[in-house]
Amino acid sequence: MMHSSIPATTERVCPVCGSSSHIHFANERIDQAKISDYTYASRKQPEFMCLRLRQCMVCDLVYAPTPPTSDTLLTAYSEAAFDSDTEAKAAARSYSKALAPYVKNLAGRSAAIDVGAGSGPLLPWLCDCGFTSVIGIEPSRAAIDAAPPNVRVMLREGMFSPSLLTDVQPSLFCSFMTLEHLSDPCEFVRTTYNLLQPGGMLAVIVHNWRAPLNRMLGLRSPIIDVEHLQLFSPNALQTLLSRSGFVSIDIQSISNSYSLKYWLRLTPLPMAFKTIILDALHRFFLSDVQLSLRVGNLLAVGIKPLEWEK
């Protein structure tokens, strides 16, 4: 799996606000020897590689001016390995807990769509919320194959496209830890807006590059990743949703709960140190102990206004 960028002559401007005003953020750091089936997999061992990155001076988005081509991304995500079922379920529990108060106040209960659903751990919870139809969209065949049979039937394979949803009108779109991976996040958000029924809601979760922990770790933060074509801050996220027409936008920091062994995996410690610590955790039966932390993830929700509100 080779990295393939668009030609430098077609460098993109900020994919959120369209500004060409920027400052340098990071040089490209890609080691071909580290590229594997897990490079485009979720919740992998951090590789600390990244594309060349800029910071938009208008909306505060950090973005890659020369991301991989759409065909390269489609192939990469379609062929990505999947071995994070336990962590995916833990993430879904954290996300559902954060999203529950907003879903409770959502008037519509037609279709709920989870974009970037992985093996679908969020889908049963959406069913329990009373939506008449629940659909997960996921490009990775390995992730879909890892889903239990009762969840797999709700998954549709492919990159997000309206053509996958011609049979429903959603009242909820979820997209958790997905916006960073899209070559055009603005197009995605505008498309969800157009597909939503009036009064419907978009809920996204992203990494916050301005969170204290990520700022402290700098380029050794696990959010600095070759998969990430952009990184959001609260201002960039607000700009993205408001420019697409969403109202009543609410943005908040959320907690994630994972096992101690998974938190250890995300640290920038040398592998030898990680191995020693992991052995100690196993020895004292602590490796699977769950720890809830605020590490810099943002939940944003926006509402499509009713016709009379426009």
Protein backbone atom coordinates (compact mmCIF):
# COMPACT_ATOMS: atom_id res chain seq x y z
CA MET A 1 0.00 0.00 0.00
CA MET A 2 1.83 3.06 -1.26
CA HIS A 3 1.16 6.68 -0.45
CA SER A 4 -0.03 8.64 -3.50
CA SER A 5 -0.58 12.39 -3.32
CA ILE A 6 -2.34 14.65 -5.75
CA PRO A 7 0.06 16.75 -7.85
CA ALA A 8 1.56 19.75 -6.08
CA THR A 9 0.11 22.03 -8.75
CA THR A 10 -3.38 21.18 -7.47
CA GLU A 11 -2.77 21.74 -3.76
CA ARG A 12 -6.06 22.19 -1.99
CA VAL A 13 -6.99 25.22 0.04
CA CYS A 14 -8.59 24.83 3.45
CA PRO A 15 -11.30 22.16 2.97
CA VAL A 16 -13.54 23.79 5.59
CA CYS A 17 -13.56 27.54 4.88
CA GLY A 18 -11.81 27.70 1.50
CA SER A 19 -9.11 30.11 2.67
CA SER A 20 -5.61 29.97 1.19
CA SER A 21 -4.17 31.82 4.20
CA HIS A 22 -2.07 29.36 6.17
CA ILE A 23 1.09 28.70 8.15
CA HIS A 24 3.30 25.61 8.19
CA PHE A 25 2.33 22.97 10.75
CA ALA A 26 4.35 19.80 10.00
CA ASN A 27 6.62 18.32 7.39
CA GLU A 28 5.70 15.05 5.71
CA ARG A 29 6.97 12.05 7.65
CA ILE A 30 6.31 8.76 5.88
CA ASP A 31 8.44 5.65 6.26
CA GLN A 32 7.48 3.17 3.54
CA ALA A 33 8.87 0.35 5.68
CA LYS A 34 6.11 1.03 8.23
CA ILE A 35 3.25 0.91 5.71
CA SER A 36 1.13 -2.21 6.28
CA ASP A 37 -2.44 -3.51 6.18
CA TYR A 38 -2.98 -1.70 9.49
CA THR A 39 -1.85 1.75 8.31
CA TYR A 40 -5.44 2.63 7.38
CA ALA A 41 -7.03 0.55 10.14
CA SER A 42 -8.81 1.97 13.16
CA ARG A 43 -7.28 2.02 16.66
CA LYS A 44 -3.94 0.67 15.47
CA GLN A 45 -0.53 0.92 17.10
CA PRO A 46 0.52 4.56 16.46
CA GLU A 47 3.07 4.92 13.66
CA PHE A 48 3.68 8.66 14.17
CA MET A 49 3.74 9.29 10.43
CA CYS A 50 1.95 12.18 8.78
CA LEU A 51 1.38 14.05 5.55
CA ARG A 52 2.66 17.59 5.11
CA LEU A 53 0.29 19.75 7.17
CA ARG A 54 -0.78 23.39 7.22
CA GLN A 55 -2.82 25.40 9.71
CA CYS A 56 -5.58 27.58 8.30
CA MET A 57 -5.30 31.12 9.62
CA VAL A 58 -9.04 31.75 9.20
CA CYS A 59 -10.89 28.75 10.68
CA ASP A 60 -7.99 27.04 12.54
CA LEU A 61 -8.19 23.72 10.69
CA VAL A 62 -4.97 21.73 10.30
CA TYR A 63 -4.98 20.06 6.89
CA ALA A 64 -2.86 18.29 4.28
CA PRO A 65 -2.61 20.35 1.07
CA THR A 66 -1.74 17.24 -1.02
CA PRO A 67 -3.78 14.30 0.31
CA PRO A 68 -3.82 10.89 -1.38
CA THR A 69 -6.08 10.51 -4.39
CA SER A 70 -9.65 9.34 -3.90
CA ASP A 71 -8.85 6.03 -5.61
CA THR A 72 -5.88 5.49 -3.28
CA LEU A 73 -8.05 6.15 -0.22
CA LEU A 74 -10.81 3.85 -1.43
CA THR A 75 -8.36 1.01 -1.96
CA ALA A 76 -6.58 1.65 1.35
CA TYR A 77 -9.74 1.60 3.46
CA SER A 78 -11.34 -1.26 1.55
CA GLU A 79 -8.29 -3.46 2.13
CA ALA A 80 -7.50 -2.31 5.69
CA ALA A 81 -7.13 -4.97 8.36
CA PHE A 82 -9.35 -5.03 11.44
CA ASP A 83 -8.42 -6.34 14.88
CA SER A 84 -9.94 -3.78 17.25
CA ASP A 85 -13.36 -5.21 18.04
CA THR A 86 -12.88 -4.85 21.81
CA GLU A 87 -11.78 -1.21 21.53
CA ALA A 88 -14.55 -0.48 19.02
CA LYS A 89 -17.15 -1.69 21.49
CA ALA A 90 -15.59 0.42 24.25
CA ALA A 91 -15.63 3.47 21.98
CA ALA A 92 -19.28 2.86 21.10
CA ARG A 93 -20.20 2.81 24.80
CA SER A 94 -18.45 6.17 25.31
CA TYR A 95 -20.04 7.68 22.21
CA SER A 96 -23.55 6.50 23.01
CA LYS A 97 -23.26 7.90 26.54
CA ALA A 98 -22.25 11.31 25.16
CA LEU A 99 -24.89 11.28 22.42
CA ALA A 100 -27.83 10.00 24.50
CA PRO A 101 -29.04 13.40 25.83
CA TYR A 102 -29.22 14.79 22.30
CA VAL A 103 -31.01 11.76 20.85
CA LYS A 104 -33.51 11.93 23.70
CA ASN A 105 -34.60 15.38 22.50
CA LEU A 106 -34.65 14.46 18.80
CA ALA A 107 -38.19 14.60 17.44
CA GLY A 108 -37.74 12.26 14.47
CA ARG A 109 -37.11 8.54 14.77
CA SER A 110 -37.02 7.44 11.13
CA ALA A 111 -33.60 6.28 9.93
CA ALA A 112 -30.32 6.55 11.86
CA ILE A 113 -27.16 6.31 9.77
CA ASP A 114 -23.68 5.63 11.18
CA VAL A 115 -21.00 6.59 8.64
CA GLY A 116 -17.69 4.83 9.25
CA ALA A 117 -19.49 2.22 11.32
CA GLY A 118 -16.63 -0.30 11.48
CA SER A 119 -17.99 -3.60 12.77
CA GLY A 120 -21.19 -1.82 13.82
CA PRO A 121 -20.97 -1.70 17.64
CA LEU A 122 -23.08 1.48 17.78
CA LEU A 123 -25.92 0.06 15.68
CA PRO A 124 -27.68 -2.01 18.38
CA TRP A 125 -27.80 1.05 20.64
CA LEU A 126 -29.39 3.09 17.83
CA CYS A 127 -31.97 0.33 17.43
CA ASP A 128 -32.72 0.54 21.15
CA CYS A 129 -33.28 4.29 20.73
CA GLY A 130 -36.36 3.52 18.65
CA PHE A 131 -35.25 4.39 15.12
CA THR A 132 -37.35 2.56 12.54
CA SER A 133 -34.30 1.88 10.38
CA VAL A 134 -30.62 1.67 11.37
CA ILE A 135 -27.86 1.54 8.76
CA GLY A 136 -24.08 1.50 9.06
CA ILE A 137 -21.85 2.49 6.15
CA GLU A 138 -18.33 1.06 6.16
CA PRO A 139 -15.68 0.67 3.43
CA SER A 140 -13.59 -2.04 5.15
CA ARG A 141 -14.61 -5.57 4.23
CA ALA A 142 -12.57 -6.94 7.15
CA ALA A 143 -14.53 -4.77 9.61
CA ILE A 144 -17.86 -5.87 8.15
CA ASP A 145 -16.82 -9.52 8.31
CA ALA A 146 -15.98 -9.03 12.00
CA ALA A 147 -19.53 -7.90 12.81
CA PRO A 148 -21.91 -10.40 14.44
CA PRO A 149 -24.59 -11.69 12.02
CA ASN A 150 -27.42 -9.64 13.54
CA VAL A 151 -25.38 -6.46 13.05
CA ARG A 152 -23.80 -7.36 9.70
CA VAL A 153 -27.21 -7.24 8.00
CA MET A 154 -27.41 -3.53 8.90
CA LEU A 155 -24.04 -2.69 7.31
CA ARG A 156 -23.62 -1.43 3.76
CA GLU A 157 -20.18 -1.68 2.20
CA GLY A 158 -18.59 1.32 0.53
CA MET A 159 -17.46 4.90 0.92
CA PHE A 160 -20.28 7.25 1.91
CA SER A 161 -22.56 8.14 -1.01
CA PRO A 162 -26.23 9.20 -1.27
CA SER A 163 -26.68 6.24 -3.62
CA LEU A 164 -26.41 3.96 -0.56
CA LEU A 165 -29.42 5.65 1.06
CA THR A 166 -32.00 6.01 -1.69
CA ASP A 167 -34.53 3.99 0.33
CA VAL A 168 -34.54 6.13 3.51
CA GLN A 169 -34.78 9.71 4.74
CA PRO A 170 -32.61 9.93 7.85
CA SER A 171 -33.45 11.80 11.02
CA LEU A 172 -29.94 11.18 12.42
CA PHE A 173 -26.46 10.96 10.93
CA CYS A 174 -23.55 9.84 13.12
CA SER A 175 -19.95 10.07 11.99
CA PHE A 176 -17.46 9.31 14.71
CA MET A 177 -13.71 9.68 14.10
CA THR A 178 -14.38 9.80 10.36
CA LEU A 179 -14.17 13.46 9.28
CA GLU A 180 -10.38 13.43 9.62
CA HIS A 181 -10.21 10.77 6.91
CA LEU A 182 -12.36 12.44 4.23
CA SER A 183 -10.81 14.34 1.34
CA ASP A 184 -13.75 16.76 1.35
CA PRO A 185 -15.38 17.03 4.81
CA CYS A 186 -17.45 20.02 3.67
CA GLU A 187 -19.08 17.99 0.90
CA PHE A 188 -19.85 15.22 3.36
CA VAL A 189 -21.51 17.55 5.89
CA ARG A 190 -23.51 19.35 3.18
CA THR A 191 -24.66 16.02 1.80
CA THR A 192 -25.88 14.87 5.21
CA TYR A 193 -27.70 18.20 5.57
CA ASN A 194 -29.47 17.69 2.24
CA LEU A 195 -30.44 14.10 3.07
CA LEU A 196 -31.69 14.78 6.58
CA GLN A 197 -35.37 15.41 7.16
CA PRO A 198 -36.12 18.89 8.60
CA GLY A 199 -35.40 18.83 12.32
CA GLY A 200 -32.90 16.02 11.83
CA MET A 201 -29.50 15.94 13.50
CA LEU A 202 -25.87 15.41 12.53
CA ALA A 203 -23.54 14.21 15.29
CA VAL A 204 -19.79 14.00 14.74
CA ILE A 205 -16.85 13.16 16.99
CA VAL A 206 -13.35 14.30 16.05
CA HIS A 207 -9.90 14.75 17.54
CA ASN A 208 -9.20 18.24 18.90
CA TRP A 209 -5.67 19.20 17.93
CA ARG A 210 -5.82 22.14 20.35
CA ALA A 211 -6.54 19.93 23.38
CA PRO A 212 -3.82 20.36 26.04
CA LEU A 213 -2.60 16.76 25.83
CA ASN A 214 -2.28 16.84 22.04
CA ARG A 215 -0.50 20.20 22.18
CA MET A 216 1.89 18.86 24.80
CA LEU A 217 2.72 15.72 22.78
CA GLY A 218 3.04 17.67 19.53
CA LEU A 219 4.04 15.45 16.62
CA ARG A 220 4.24 12.49 19.03
CA SER A 221 0.49 12.63 19.64
CA PRO A 222 -1.36 9.60 18.21
CA ILE A 223 -3.67 11.99 16.33
CA ILE A 224 -0.70 12.88 14.10
CA ASP A 225 -1.30 10.09 11.62
CA VAL A 226 -0.89 9.52 7.90
CA GLU A 227 -4.61 8.65 7.74
CA HIS A 228 -5.63 12.11 8.92
CA LEU A 229 -6.13 14.53 6.05
CA GLN A 230 -7.28 17.22 8.49
CA LEU A 231 -7.46 17.82 12.23
CA PHE A 232 -10.15 19.94 13.86
CA SER A 233 -10.34 22.48 16.65
CA PRO A 234 -13.59 23.78 18.19
CA ASN A 235 -13.53 26.80 15.84
CA ALA A 236 -12.93 24.68 12.73
CA LEU A 237 -15.75 22.32 13.74
CA GLN A 238 -18.16 25.20 14.38
CA THR A 239 -17.28 26.69 11.00
CA LEU A 240 -17.81 23.38 9.20
CA LEU A 241 -21.32 22.81 10.55
CA SER A 242 -22.55 26.40 10.41
CA ARG A 243 -21.39 26.95 6.81
CA SER A 244 -23.34 23.84 5.83
CA GLY A 245 -26.60 25.22 7.26
CA PHE A 246 -26.83 23.51 10.63
CA VAL A 247 -28.21 25.46 13.59
CA SER A 248 -28.32 24.95 17.36
CA ILE A 249 -24.75 23.69 17.13
CA ASP A 250 -23.34 22.38 20.39
CA ILE A 251 -19.71 21.35 20.83
CA GLN A 252 -18.33 19.68 23.94
CA SER A 253 -15.32 17.70 25.10
CA ILE A 254 -16.08 14.06 25.85
CA SER A 255 -14.45 11.22 27.78
CA ASN A 256 -13.32 7.91 26.37
CA SER A 257 -13.11 4.72 28.42
CA TYR A 258 -10.59 2.10 27.36
CA SER A 259 -8.52 -0.63 29.01
CA LEU A 260 -5.16 0.29 30.51
CA LYS A 261 -3.40 -1.85 27.90
CA TYR A 262 -5.04 0.14 25.09
CA TRP A 263 -4.16 3.50 26.64
CA LEU A 264 -0.61 2.21 26.90
CA ARG A 265 -0.62 1.34 23.19
CA LEU A 266 -1.41 4.96 22.31
CA THR A 267 1.50 6.45 24.23
CA PRO A 268 4.69 7.55 22.43
CA LEU A 269 6.86 5.42 24.77
CA PRO A 270 9.49 3.17 23.14
CA MET A 271 8.16 -0.31 22.39
CA ALA A 272 10.59 -1.88 24.87
CA PHE A 273 9.15 0.23 27.71
CA LYS A 274 5.61 -0.55 26.60
CA THR A 275 6.38 -4.26 26.73
CA ILE A 276 7.76 -4.03 30.27
CA ILE A 277 4.75 -2.03 31.49
CA LEU A 278 2.29 -4.33 29.73
CA ASP A 279 3.90 -7.37 31.35
CA ALA A 280 3.49 -5.71 34.75
CA LEU A 281 -0.17 -4.93 34.03
CA HIS A 282 -0.79 -8.55 33.09
CA ARG A 283 1.04 -9.81 36.16
CA PHE A 284 -1.20 -7.78 38.48
CA PHE A 285 -4.38 -8.44 36.47
CA LEU A 286 -4.70 -4.75 35.57
CA SER A 287 -4.41 -4.81 31.77
CA ASP A 288 -8.17 -4.94 31.20
CA VAL A 289 -9.10 -2.39 33.87
CA GLN A 290 -11.13 0.39 32.27
CA LEU A 291 -10.02 3.99 32.67
CA SER A 292 -12.08 6.98 31.54
CA LEU A 293 -10.08 10.00 30.34
CA ARG A 294 -10.60 13.25 28.48
CA VAL A 295 -7.81 13.09 25.93
CA GLY A 296 -9.05 15.70 23.49
CA ASN A 297 -12.09 14.35 21.61
CA LEU A 298 -14.94 16.65 20.62
CA LEU A 299 -18.61 15.87 20.08
CA ALA A 300 -20.50 18.32 17.87
CA VAL A 301 -24.20 18.16 17.06
CA GLY A 302 -26.13 20.34 14.65
CA ILE A 303 -29.80 20.48 13.69
CA LYS A 304 -31.27 20.95 10.23
CA PRO A 305 -33.85 23.71 10.73
CA LEU A 306 -37.53 23.16 10.08
CA GLU A 307 -38.89 24.83 6.96
CA TRP A 308 -40.46 27.70 8.87
CA GLU A 309 -37.20 28.35 10.73
CA LYS A 310 -35.14 29.00 7.60
